[in-house]
PDB file of N, CA and C in Angstrom:
ATOM      1  N   UNK A   1     -47.356 183.176 -16.243  1.00  0.00           N
ATOM      2  CA  UNK A   1     -47.002 181.974 -15.506  1.00  0.00           C
ATOM      3  C   UNK A   1     -47.303 180.729 -16.327  1.00  0.00           C
ATOM      4  N   UNK A   2     -46.447 179.734 -16.229  1.00  0.00           N
ATOM      5  CA  UNK A   2     -46.669 178.461 -16.915  1.00  0.00           C
ATOM      6  C   UNK A   2     -47.800 177.711 -16.222  1.00  0.00           C
ATOM      7  N   UNK A   3     -48.499 176.823 -16.923  1.00  0.00           N
ATOM      8  CA  UNK A   3     -49.577 176.060 -16.296  1.00  0.00           C
ATOM      9  C   UNK A   3     -49.061 175.243 -15.121  1.00  0.00           C
ATOM     10  N   UNK A   4     -49.896 175.106 -14.101  1.00  0.00           N
ATOM     11  CA  UNK A   4     -49.479 174.351 -12.922  1.00  0.00           C
ATOM     12  C   UNK A   4     -49.735 172.859 -13.085  1.00  0.00           C
ATOM     13  N   UNK A   5     -50.611 172.470 -14.011  1.00  0.00           N
ATOM     14  CA  UNK A   5     -50.898 171.047 -14.206  1.00  0.00           C
ATOM     15  C   UNK A   5     -51.072 170.763 -15.688  1.00  0.00           C
ATOM     16  N   UNK A   6     -50.440 169.722 -16.150  1.00  0.00           N
ATOM     17  CA  UNK A   6     -50.561 169.295 -17.543  1.00  0.00           C
ATOM     18  C   UNK A   6     -50.962 167.834 -17.556  1.00  0.00           C
ATOM     19  N   UNK A   7     -51.888 167.468 -18.433  1.00  0.00           N
ATOM     20  CA  UNK A   7     -52.331 166.080 -18.538  1.00  0.00           C
ATOM     21  C   UNK A   7     -52.066 165.595 -19.953  1.00  0.00           C
ATOM     22  N   UNK A   8     -51.222 164.606 -20.085  1.00  0.00           N
ATOM     23  CA  UNK A   8     -50.908 164.017 -21.380  1.00  0.00           C
ATOM     24  C   UNK A   8     -51.293 162.556 -21.321  1.00  0.00           C
ATOM     25  N   UNK A   9     -52.511 162.261 -21.795  1.00  0.00           N
ATOM     26  CA  UNK A   9     -53.053 160.910 -21.706  1.00  0.00           C
ATOM     27  C   UNK A   9     -52.189 159.856 -22.377  1.00  0.00           C
ATOM     28  N   UNK A  10     -51.454 160.237 -23.415  1.00  0.00           N
ATOM     29  CA  UNK A  10     -50.621 159.261 -24.114  1.00  0.00           C
ATOM     30  C   UNK A  10     -49.263 159.088 -23.440  1.00  0.00           C
ATOM     31  N   UNK A  11     -49.047 159.753 -22.355  1.00  0.00           N
ATOM     32  CA  UNK A  11     -47.783 159.740 -21.619  1.00  0.00           C
ATOM     33  C   UNK A  11     -46.663 160.446 -22.375  1.00  0.00           C
ATOM     34  N   UNK A  12     -46.997 161.230 -23.383  1.00  0.00           N
ATOM     35  CA  UNK A  12     -45.979 162.019 -24.084  1.00  0.00           C
ATOM     36  C   UNK A  12     -45.521 163.135 -23.161  1.00  0.00           C
ATOM     37  N   UNK A  13     -44.231 163.336 -23.086  1.00  0.00           N
ATOM     38  CA  UNK A  13     -43.693 164.387 -22.226  1.00  0.00           C
ATOM     39  C   UNK A  13     -43.434 165.635 -23.070  1.00  0.00           C
ATOM     40  N   UNK A  14     -44.090 166.732 -22.732  1.00  0.00           N
ATOM     41  CA  UNK A  14     -43.954 167.938 -23.548  1.00  0.00           C
ATOM     42  C   UNK A  14     -42.711 168.738 -23.203  1.00  0.00           C
ATOM     43  N   UNK A  15     -42.261 169.510 -24.175  1.00  0.00           N
ATOM     44  CA  UNK A  15     -41.281 170.550 -23.886  1.00  0.00           C
ATOM     45  C   UNK A  15     -42.047 171.859 -24.011  1.00  0.00           C
ATOM     46  N   UNK A  16     -42.008 172.677 -22.987  1.00  0.00           N
ATOM     47  CA  UNK A  16     -42.785 173.918 -22.951  1.00  0.00           C
ATOM     48  C   UNK A  16     -41.838 175.111 -22.887  1.00  0.00           C
ATOM     49  N   UNK A  17     -42.198 176.172 -23.612  1.00  0.00           N
ATOM     50  CA  UNK A  17     -41.449 177.421 -23.568  1.00  0.00           C
ATOM     51  C   UNK A  17     -42.423 178.574 -23.371  1.00  0.00           C
ATOM     52  N   UNK A  18     -41.979 179.576 -22.622  1.00  0.00           N
ATOM     53  CA  UNK A  18     -42.791 180.773 -22.434  1.00  0.00           C
ATOM     54  C   UNK A  18     -41.992 181.982 -22.875  1.00  0.00           C
ATOM     55  N   UNK A  19     -42.613 182.799 -23.732  1.00  0.00           N
ATOM     56  CA  UNK A  19     -42.030 184.055 -24.183  1.00  0.00           C
ATOM     57  C   UNK A  19     -43.063 185.134 -23.921  1.00  0.00           C
ATOM     58  N   UNK A  20     -42.834 185.947 -22.907  1.00  0.00           N
ATOM     59  CA  UNK A  20     -43.831 186.949 -22.534  1.00  0.00           C
ATOM     60  C   UNK A  20     -45.119 186.263 -22.123  1.00  0.00           C
ATOM     61  N   UNK A  21     -46.231 186.654 -22.772  1.00  0.00           N
ATOM     62  CA  UNK A  21     -47.531 186.056 -22.460  1.00  0.00           C
ATOM     63  C   UNK A  21     -47.809 184.811 -23.296  1.00  0.00           C
ATOM     64  N   UNK A  22     -46.891 184.451 -24.181  1.00  0.00           N
ATOM     65  CA  UNK A  22     -47.113 183.315 -25.082  1.00  0.00           C
ATOM     66  C   UNK A  22     -46.468 182.046 -24.532  1.00  0.00           C
ATOM     67  N   UNK A  23     -47.245 180.977 -24.506  1.00  0.00           N
ATOM     68  CA  UNK A  23     -46.768 179.676 -24.045  1.00  0.00           C
ATOM     69  C   UNK A  23     -46.908 178.694 -25.201  1.00  0.00           C
ATOM     70  N   UNK A  24     -45.822 178.035 -25.566  1.00  0.00           N
ATOM     71  CA  UNK A  24     -45.850 177.051 -26.647  1.00  0.00           C
ATOM     72  C   UNK A  24     -45.300 175.729 -26.137  1.00  0.00           C
ATOM     73  N   UNK A  25     -45.733 174.662 -26.762  1.00  0.00           N
ATOM     74  CA  UNK A  25     -45.256 173.355 -26.340  1.00  0.00           C
ATOM     75  C   UNK A  25     -45.247 172.368 -27.477  1.00  0.00           C
ATOM     76  N   UNK A  26     -44.506 171.305 -27.269  1.00  0.00           N
ATOM     77  CA  UNK A  26     -44.412 170.243 -28.263  1.00  0.00           C
ATOM     78  C   UNK A  26     -44.295 168.912 -27.531  1.00  0.00           C
ATOM     79  N   UNK A  27     -45.041 167.935 -28.011  1.00  0.00           N
ATOM     80  CA  UNK A  27     -44.942 166.578 -27.488  1.00  0.00           C
ATOM     81  C   UNK A  27     -44.886 165.635 -28.681  1.00  0.00           C
ATOM     82  N   UNK A  28     -43.941 164.723 -28.668  1.00  0.00           N
ATOM     83  CA  UNK A  28     -43.802 163.753 -29.750  1.00  0.00           C
ATOM     84  C   UNK A  28     -44.493 162.459 -29.321  1.00  0.00           C
ATOM     85  N   UNK A  29     -45.433 162.017 -30.142  1.00  0.00           N
ATOM     86  CA  UNK A  29     -46.184 160.794 -29.869  1.00  0.00           C
ATOM     87  C   UNK A  29     -45.865 159.795 -30.978  1.00  0.00           C
ATOM     88  N   UNK A  30     -45.429 158.592 -30.643  1.00  0.00           N
ATOM     89  CA  UNK A  30     -45.123 157.594 -31.675  1.00  0.00           C
ATOM     90  C   UNK A  30     -46.336 157.317 -32.569  1.00  0.00           C
ATOM     91  N   UNK A  31     -46.093 157.097 -33.860  1.00  0.00           N
ATOM     92  CA  UNK A  31     -47.173 156.848 -34.823  1.00  0.00           C
ATOM     93  C   UNK A  31     -48.057 155.683 -34.401  1.00  0.00           C
ATOM     94  N   UNK A  32     -47.480 154.671 -33.766  1.00  0.00           N
ATOM     95  CA  UNK A  32     -48.279 153.504 -33.371  1.00  0.00           C
ATOM     96  C   UNK A  32     -49.395 153.870 -32.393  1.00  0.00           C
ATOM     97  N   UNK A  33     -49.230 154.963 -31.648  1.00  0.00           N
ATOM     98  CA  UNK A  33     -50.275 155.399 -30.717  1.00  0.00           C
ATOM     99  C   UNK A  33     -51.534 155.826 -31.465  1.00  0.00           C
ATOM    100  N   UNK A  34     -51.380 156.361 -32.679  1.00  0.00           N
ATOM    101  CA  UNK A  34     -52.529 156.793 -33.479  1.00  0.00           C
ATOM    102  C   UNK A  34     -53.234 155.609 -34.136  1.00  0.00           C
ATOM    103  N   UNK A  35     -52.604 154.453 -34.113  1.00  0.00           N
ATOM    104  CA  UNK A  35     -53.156 153.270 -34.772  1.00  0.00           C
ATOM    105  C   UNK A  35     -53.654 152.235 -33.773  1.00  0.00           C
ATOM    106  N   UNK A  36     -53.743 152.624 -32.522  1.00  0.00           N
ATOM    107  CA  UNK A  36     -54.208 151.726 -31.468  1.00  0.00           C
ATOM    108  C   UNK A  36     -55.680 151.378 -31.656  1.00  0.00           C
ATOM    109  N   UNK A  37     -56.037 150.133 -31.393  1.00  0.00           N
ATOM    110  CA  UNK A  37     -57.425 149.700 -31.509  1.00  0.00           C
ATOM    111  C   UNK A  37     -58.227 150.232 -30.323  1.00  0.00           C
ATOM    112  N   UNK A  38     -59.390 150.795 -30.620  1.00  0.00           N
ATOM    113  CA  UNK A  38     -60.259 151.336 -29.572  1.00  0.00           C
ATOM    114  C   UNK A  38     -61.454 150.428 -29.298  1.00  0.00           C
ATOM    115  N   UNK A  39     -61.685 149.470 -30.205  1.00  0.00           N
ATOM    116  CA  UNK A  39     -62.871 148.633 -30.102  1.00  0.00           C
ATOM    117  C   UNK A  39     -62.662 147.349 -30.908  1.00  0.00           C
ATOM    118  N   UNK A  40     -63.315 146.269 -30.494  1.00  0.00           N
ATOM    119  CA  UNK A  40     -63.244 145.031 -31.268  1.00  0.00           C
ATOM    120  C   UNK A  40     -64.112 145.122 -32.522  1.00  0.00           C
ATOM    121  N   UNK A  41     -65.026 146.087 -32.567  1.00  0.00           N
ATOM    122  CA  UNK A  41     -65.938 146.246 -33.701  1.00  0.00           C
ATOM    123  C   UNK A  41     -65.451 147.253 -34.726  1.00  0.00           C
ATOM    124  N   UNK A  42     -64.415 147.985 -34.413  1.00  0.00           N
ATOM    125  CA  UNK A  42     -64.008 149.081 -35.276  1.00  0.00           C
ATOM    126  C   UNK A  42     -62.499 149.211 -35.279  1.00  0.00           C
ATOM    127  N   UNK A  43     -61.937 149.535 -36.421  1.00  0.00           N
ATOM    128  CA  UNK A  43     -60.496 149.721 -36.512  1.00  0.00           C
ATOM    129  C   UNK A  43     -60.039 151.024 -35.873  1.00  0.00           C
ATOM    130  N   UNK A  44     -58.733 151.244 -35.829  1.00  0.00           N
ATOM    131  CA  UNK A  44     -58.181 152.470 -35.253  1.00  0.00           C
ATOM    132  C   UNK A  44     -58.702 153.706 -35.988  1.00  0.00           C
ATOM    133  N   UNK A  45     -58.920 154.778 -35.260  1.00  0.00           N
ATOM    134  CA  UNK A  45     -59.403 155.996 -35.903  1.00  0.00           C
ATOM    135  C   UNK A  45     -58.621 157.238 -35.507  1.00  0.00           C
ATOM    136  N   UNK A  46     -57.422 157.091 -35.001  1.00  0.00           N
ATOM    137  CA  UNK A  46     -56.571 158.247 -34.741  1.00  0.00           C
ATOM    138  C   UNK A  46     -56.640 158.747 -33.312  1.00  0.00           C
ATOM    139  N   UNK A  47     -56.137 159.955 -33.131  1.00  0.00           N
ATOM    140  CA  UNK A  47     -56.065 160.568 -31.804  1.00  0.00           C
ATOM    141  C   UNK A  47     -56.698 161.949 -31.822  1.00  0.00           C
ATOM    142  N   UNK A  48     -57.252 162.335 -30.695  1.00  0.00           N
ATOM    143  CA  UNK A  48     -57.768 163.689 -30.523  1.00  0.00           C
ATOM    144  C   UNK A  48     -56.815 164.405 -29.575  1.00  0.00           C
ATOM    145  N   UNK A  49     -56.240 165.496 -30.049  1.00  0.00           N
ATOM    146  CA  UNK A  49     -55.324 166.297 -29.241  1.00  0.00           C
ATOM    147  C   UNK A  49     -56.103 167.507 -28.735  1.00  0.00           C
ATOM    148  N   UNK A  50     -56.118 167.712 -27.420  1.00  0.00           N
ATOM    149  CA  UNK A  50     -56.851 168.842 -26.848  1.00  0.00           C
ATOM    150  C   UNK A  50     -55.917 169.741 -26.056  1.00  0.00           C
ATOM    151  N   UNK A  51     -56.279 171.004 -26.014  1.00  0.00           N
ATOM    152  CA  UNK A  51     -55.549 171.978 -25.198  1.00  0.00           C
ATOM    153  C   UNK A  51     -56.578 172.857 -24.495  1.00  0.00           C
ATOM    154  N   UNK A  52     -56.410 173.031 -23.208  1.00  0.00           N
ATOM    155  CA  UNK A  52     -57.280 173.897 -22.420  1.00  0.00           C
ATOM    156  C   UNK A  52     -56.387 174.822 -21.615  1.00  0.00           C
ATOM    157  N   UNK A  53     -56.697 176.110 -21.653  1.00  0.00           N
ATOM    158  CA  UNK A  53     -55.900 177.083 -20.907  1.00  0.00           C
ATOM    159  C   UNK A  53     -56.800 177.896 -19.986  1.00  0.00           C
ATOM    160  N   UNK A  54     -56.220 178.347 -18.888  1.00  0.00           N
ATOM    161  CA  UNK A  54     -56.932 179.219 -17.956  1.00  0.00           C
ATOM    162  C   UNK A  54     -56.010 180.378 -17.606  1.00  0.00           C
ATOM    163  N   UNK A  55     -56.506 181.589 -17.761  1.00  0.00           N
ATOM    164  CA  UNK A  55     -55.702 182.764 -17.439  1.00  0.00           C
ATOM    165  C   UNK A  55     -55.720 183.007 -15.936  1.00  0.00           C
ATOM    166  N   UNK A  56     -54.852 183.884 -15.484  1.00  0.00           N
ATOM    167  CA  UNK A  56     -54.778 184.183 -14.052  1.00  0.00           C
ATOM    168  C   UNK A  56     -56.089 184.742 -13.515  1.00  0.00           C
ATOM    169  N   UNK A  57     -56.861 185.445 -14.380  1.00  0.00           N
ATOM    170  CA  UNK A  57     -58.133 186.010 -13.915  1.00  0.00           C
ATOM    171  C   UNK A  57     -59.314 185.049 -14.100  1.00  0.00           C
ATOM    172  N   UNK A  58     -59.039 183.800 -14.507  1.00  0.00           N
ATOM    173  CA  UNK A  58     -60.061 182.769 -14.549  1.00  0.00           C
ATOM    174  C   UNK A  58     -60.716 182.505 -15.895  1.00  0.00           C
ATOM    175  N   UNK A  59     -60.366 183.243 -16.933  1.00  0.00           N
ATOM    176  CA  UNK A  59     -60.924 182.973 -18.265  1.00  0.00           C
ATOM    177  C   UNK A  59     -60.382 181.645 -18.788  1.00  0.00           C
ATOM    178  N   UNK A  60     -61.231 180.905 -19.497  1.00  0.00           N
ATOM    179  CA  UNK A  60     -60.849 179.590 -20.000  1.00  0.00           C
ATOM    180  C   UNK A  60     -61.130 179.513 -21.498  1.00  0.00           C
ATOM    181  N   UNK A  61     -60.234 178.851 -22.230  1.00  0.00           N
ATOM    182  CA  UNK A  61     -60.425 178.599 -23.659  1.00  0.00           C
ATOM    183  C   UNK A  61     -59.867 177.226 -23.976  1.00  0.00           C
ATOM    184  N   UNK A  62     -60.362 176.636 -25.043  1.00  0.00           N
ATOM    185  CA  UNK A  62     -59.877 175.321 -25.435  1.00  0.00           C
ATOM    186  C   UNK A  62     -59.943 175.133 -26.932  1.00  0.00           C
ATOM    187  N   UNK A  63     -59.227 174.135 -27.400  1.00  0.00           N
ATOM    188  CA  UNK A  63     -59.222 173.786 -28.819  1.00  0.00           C
ATOM    189  C   UNK A  63     -58.883 172.311 -28.945  1.00  0.00           C
ATOM    190  N   UNK A  64     -59.269 171.728 -30.083  1.00  0.00           N
ATOM    191  CA  UNK A  64     -58.901 170.336 -30.337  1.00  0.00           C
ATOM    192  C   UNK A  64     -58.598 170.143 -31.814  1.00  0.00           C
ATOM    193  N   UNK A  65     -57.860 169.093 -32.098  1.00  0.00           N
ATOM    194  CA  UNK A  65     -57.583 168.688 -33.471  1.00  0.00           C
ATOM    195  C   UNK A  65     -57.516 167.166 -33.501  1.00  0.00           C
ATOM    196  N   UNK A  66     -58.044 166.577 -34.572  1.00  0.00           N
ATOM    197  CA  UNK A  66     -57.975 165.131 -34.763  1.00  0.00           C
ATOM    198  C   UNK A  66     -56.802 164.853 -35.682  1.00  0.00           C
ATOM    199  N   UNK A  67     -55.977 163.891 -35.310  1.00  0.00           N
ATOM    200  CA  UNK A  67     -54.785 163.594 -36.094  1.00  0.00           C
ATOM    201  C   UNK A  67     -54.604 162.091 -36.255  1.00  0.00           C
ATOM    202  N   UNK A  68     -53.951 161.710 -37.310  1.00  0.00           N
ATOM    203  CA  UNK A  68     -53.591 160.313 -37.511  1.00  0.00           C
ATOM    204  C   UNK A  68     -54.730 159.397 -37.892  1.00  0.00           C
ATOM    205  N   UNK A  69     -55.857 159.934 -38.317  1.00  0.00           N
ATOM    206  CA  UNK A  69     -56.964 159.048 -38.667  1.00  0.00           C
ATOM    207  C   UNK A  69     -58.150 159.812 -39.200  1.00  0.00           C
ATOM    208  N   UNK A  70     -59.265 159.796 -38.465  1.00  0.00           N
ATOM    209  CA  UNK A  70     -60.497 160.441 -38.922  1.00  0.00           C
ATOM    210  C   UNK A  70     -60.309 161.941 -39.031  1.00  0.00           C
ATOM    211  N   UNK A  71     -61.166 162.598 -39.784  1.00  0.00           N
ATOM    212  CA  UNK A  71     -61.051 164.041 -39.983  1.00  0.00           C
ATOM    213  C   UNK A  71     -62.172 164.815 -39.397  1.00  0.00           C
TER     214      UNK A  71
END
């Protein structure tokens, strides 16, 4: 089953596909979103992309990647 709720903080709209038990998705975020100022004391430092999944039996896993700035 596809996830019942998706949260995309940047308002990027994903395209999701399911093949068997595998779910894949893609969301295009404009480059300017990665260069947004987060503080008056510090320059832009990129975006953190997170994914959290929950299986039908309740197991949960997550991952993240930093893109467009800090490593």
